[in-house]
C-alpha atoms as a PDB file:
ATOM      1  CA  MET A   1       2.124 117.415  19.592  1.00  0.00           C
ATOM      2  CA  LYS A   2       0.606 114.561  18.246  1.00  0.00           C
ATOM      3  CA  LYS A   3       0.421 115.627  14.750  1.00  0.00           C
ATOM      4  CA  LEU A   4       4.260 116.287  15.279  1.00  0.00           C
ATOM      5  CA  SER A   5       4.676 112.900  17.060  1.00  0.00           C
ATOM      6  CA  LEU A   6       3.195 111.205  13.755  1.00  0.00           C
ATOM      7  CA  LEU A   7       5.340 113.451  11.649  1.00  0.00           C
ATOM      8  CA  ALA A   8       7.861 112.046  12.593  1.00  0.00           C
ATOM      9  CA  GLY A   9       7.120 108.645  13.456  1.00  0.00           C
ATOM     10  CA  VAL A  10       6.160 108.470   9.334  1.00  0.00           C
ATOM     11  CA  GLY A  11       9.633 110.361   8.526  1.00  0.00           C
ATOM     12  CA  ILE A  12      11.444 107.338  10.617  1.00  0.00           C
ATOM     13  CA  LEU A  13       9.256 104.399   8.939  1.00  0.00           C
ATOM     14  CA  ALA A  14       9.949 106.195   5.551  1.00  0.00           C
ATOM     15  CA  VAL A  15      13.571 106.156   6.299  1.00  0.00           C
ATOM     16  CA  ILE A  16      14.013 102.583   7.221  1.00  0.00           C
ATOM     17  CA  LEU A  17      11.796 101.449   4.549  1.00  0.00           C
ATOM     18  CA  ALA A  18      13.853 102.758   1.687  1.00  0.00           C
ATOM     19  CA  GLY A  19      16.793 101.974   3.318  1.00  0.00           C
ATOM     20  CA  CYS A  20      15.783  97.988   3.177  1.00  0.00           C
ATOM     21  CA  GLY A  21      14.186  98.433  -0.259  1.00  0.00           C
ATOM     22  CA  PRO A  22      15.683  96.305  -3.236  1.00  0.00           C
ATOM     23  CA  LYS A  23      19.427  96.860  -4.302  1.00  0.00           C
ATOM     24  CA  LYS A  24      21.139  97.350  -7.436  1.00  0.00           C
ATOM     25  CA  ALA A  25      23.694  94.477  -8.262  1.00  0.00           C
ATOM     26  CA  THR A  26      27.559  95.716  -8.349  1.00  0.00           C
ATOM     27  CA  LYS A  27      29.605  94.052 -12.153  1.00  0.00           C
ATOM     28  CA  GLU A  28      32.118  92.972  -8.879  1.00  0.00           C
ATOM     29  CA  THR A  29      28.646  90.935  -8.145  1.00  0.00           C
ATOM     30  CA  LEU A  30      28.012  90.005 -11.476  1.00  0.00           C
ATOM     31  CA  SER A  31      30.664  88.529 -12.329  1.00  0.00           C
ATOM     32  CA  GLN A  32      31.181  86.365  -8.932  1.00  0.00           C
ATOM     33  CA  ILE A  33      27.510  85.674  -9.709  1.00  0.00           C
ATOM     34  CA  GLU A  34      29.180  84.002 -13.591  1.00  0.00           C
ATOM     35  CA  GLU A  35      32.398  82.502 -12.006  1.00  0.00           C
ATOM     36  CA  CYS A  36      30.713  80.577  -9.704  1.00  0.00           C
ATOM     37  CA  ARG A  37      27.516  79.216 -12.126  1.00  0.00           C
ATOM     38  CA  LYS A  38      30.874  78.227 -14.571  1.00  0.00           C
ATOM     39  CA  ALA A  39      32.579  76.366 -12.071  1.00  0.00           C
ATOM     40  CA  GLU A  40      29.314  75.056 -10.929  1.00  0.00           C
ATOM     41  CA  GLN A  41      28.905  73.405 -14.618  1.00  0.00           C
ATOM     42  CA  ALA A  42      32.845  72.380 -14.830  1.00  0.00           C
ATOM     43  CA  ALA A  43      32.268  70.588 -10.885  1.00  0.00           C
ATOM     44  CA  SER A  44      28.588  68.700 -12.338  1.00  0.00           C
ATOM     45  CA  GLN A  45      31.036  67.864 -15.979  1.00  0.00           C
ATOM     46  CA  LYS A  46      33.504  66.740 -13.744  1.00  0.00           C
ATOM     47  CA  ILE A  47      31.393  64.478 -11.493  1.00  0.00           C
ATOM     48  CA  GLU A  48      29.640  62.733 -14.848  1.00  0.00           C
ATOM     49  CA  GLU A  49      33.553  61.886 -15.788  1.00  0.00           C
ATOM     50  CA  LEU A  50      33.621  60.861 -12.930  1.00  0.00           C
ATOM     51  CA  ASN A  51      30.924  58.425 -12.662  1.00  0.00           C
ATOM     52  CA  ALA A  52      31.419  57.132 -16.077  1.00  0.00           C
ATOM     53  CA  GLN A  53      34.799  56.409 -14.649  1.00  0.00           C
ATOM     54  CA  ILE A  54      34.067  54.749 -11.984  1.00  0.00           C
ATOM     55  CA  ASN A  55      31.333  52.900 -14.222  1.00  0.00           C
ATOM     56  CA  GLN A  56      34.034  51.307 -16.877  1.00  0.00           C
ATOM     57  CA  LEU A  57      35.885  50.535 -13.431  1.00  0.00           C
ATOM     58  CA  LYS A  58      33.723  48.510 -11.899  1.00  0.00           C
ATOM     59  CA  SER A  59      32.582  46.410 -15.240  1.00  0.00           C
ATOM     60  CA  GLU A  60      36.609  46.110 -15.865  1.00  0.00           C
ATOM     61  CA  ASN A  61      36.889  44.752 -12.159  1.00  0.00           C
ATOM     62  CA  LEU A  62      34.060  42.446 -13.020  1.00  0.00           C
ATOM     63  CA  ASP A  63      35.654  41.164 -16.814  1.00  0.00           C
ATOM     64  CA  SER A  64      39.011  40.337 -14.585  1.00  0.00           C
ATOM     65  CA  LYS A  65      36.995  38.307 -11.848  1.00  0.00           C
ATOM     66  CA  ILE A  66      35.403  36.297 -14.755  1.00  0.00           C
ATOM     67  CA  GLU A  67      38.332  35.440 -16.235  1.00  0.00           C
ATOM     68  CA  ALA A  68      39.875  34.601 -13.278  1.00  0.00           C
ATOM     69  CA  LEU A  69      37.458  31.953 -12.043  1.00  0.00           C
ATOM     70  CA  GLN A  70      37.204  30.893 -15.836  1.00  0.00           C
ATOM     71  CA  GLN A  71      40.696  29.921 -15.514  1.00  0.00           C
ATOM     72  CA  GLU A  72      40.375  28.172 -12.349  1.00  0.00           C
ATOM     73  CA  ARG A  73      37.261  26.299 -13.733  1.00  0.00           C
ATOM     74  CA  ASP A  74      39.618  25.304 -16.596  1.00  0.00           C
ATOM     75  CA  SER A  75      42.503  24.270 -14.577  1.00  0.00           C
ATOM     76  CA  LEU A  76      40.050  22.487 -11.748  1.00  0.00           C
ATOM     77  CA  LYS A  77      38.750  20.247 -14.361  1.00  0.00           C
ATOM     78  CA  ASN A  78      42.199  19.805 -15.634  1.00  0.00           C
ATOM     79  CA  TYR A  79      43.065  18.229 -12.198  1.00  0.00           C
ATOM     80  CA  LEU A  80      39.670  16.342 -12.134  1.00  0.00           C
ATOM     81  CA  GLN A  81      40.041  14.298 -15.474  1.00  0.00           C
ATOM     82  CA  LEU A  82      43.577  13.594 -14.027  1.00  0.00           C
ATOM     83  CA  LEU A  83      42.014  12.398 -10.903  1.00  0.00           C
ATOM     84  CA  GLU A  84      39.810  10.415 -13.097  1.00  0.00           C
ATOM     85  CA  GLN A  85      42.063   8.500 -15.353  1.00  0.00           C
ATOM     86  CA  GLY A  86      44.385   7.288 -11.795  1.00  0.00           C
ATOM     87  CA  TYR A  87      46.744   9.822 -11.576  1.00  0.00           C
END
């Protein structure tokens, strides 16, 4: 009886381990993985492009602010000169 239960236990354990073993990836799964890799690469490239665009816009925005402040400075200089002349 002990031998029979031991044999049954080993048989059940073997079936469980065989069912949990590694499985090969199907062609469909491999193609999905490849699509995901391509999508990840495209997304990374898009992120880099957008970061470059953000930096460019920040730079342009600073340039326009500098230009506006320089114009304001020049106009205030002209106003100060007019005041010093007595107008």
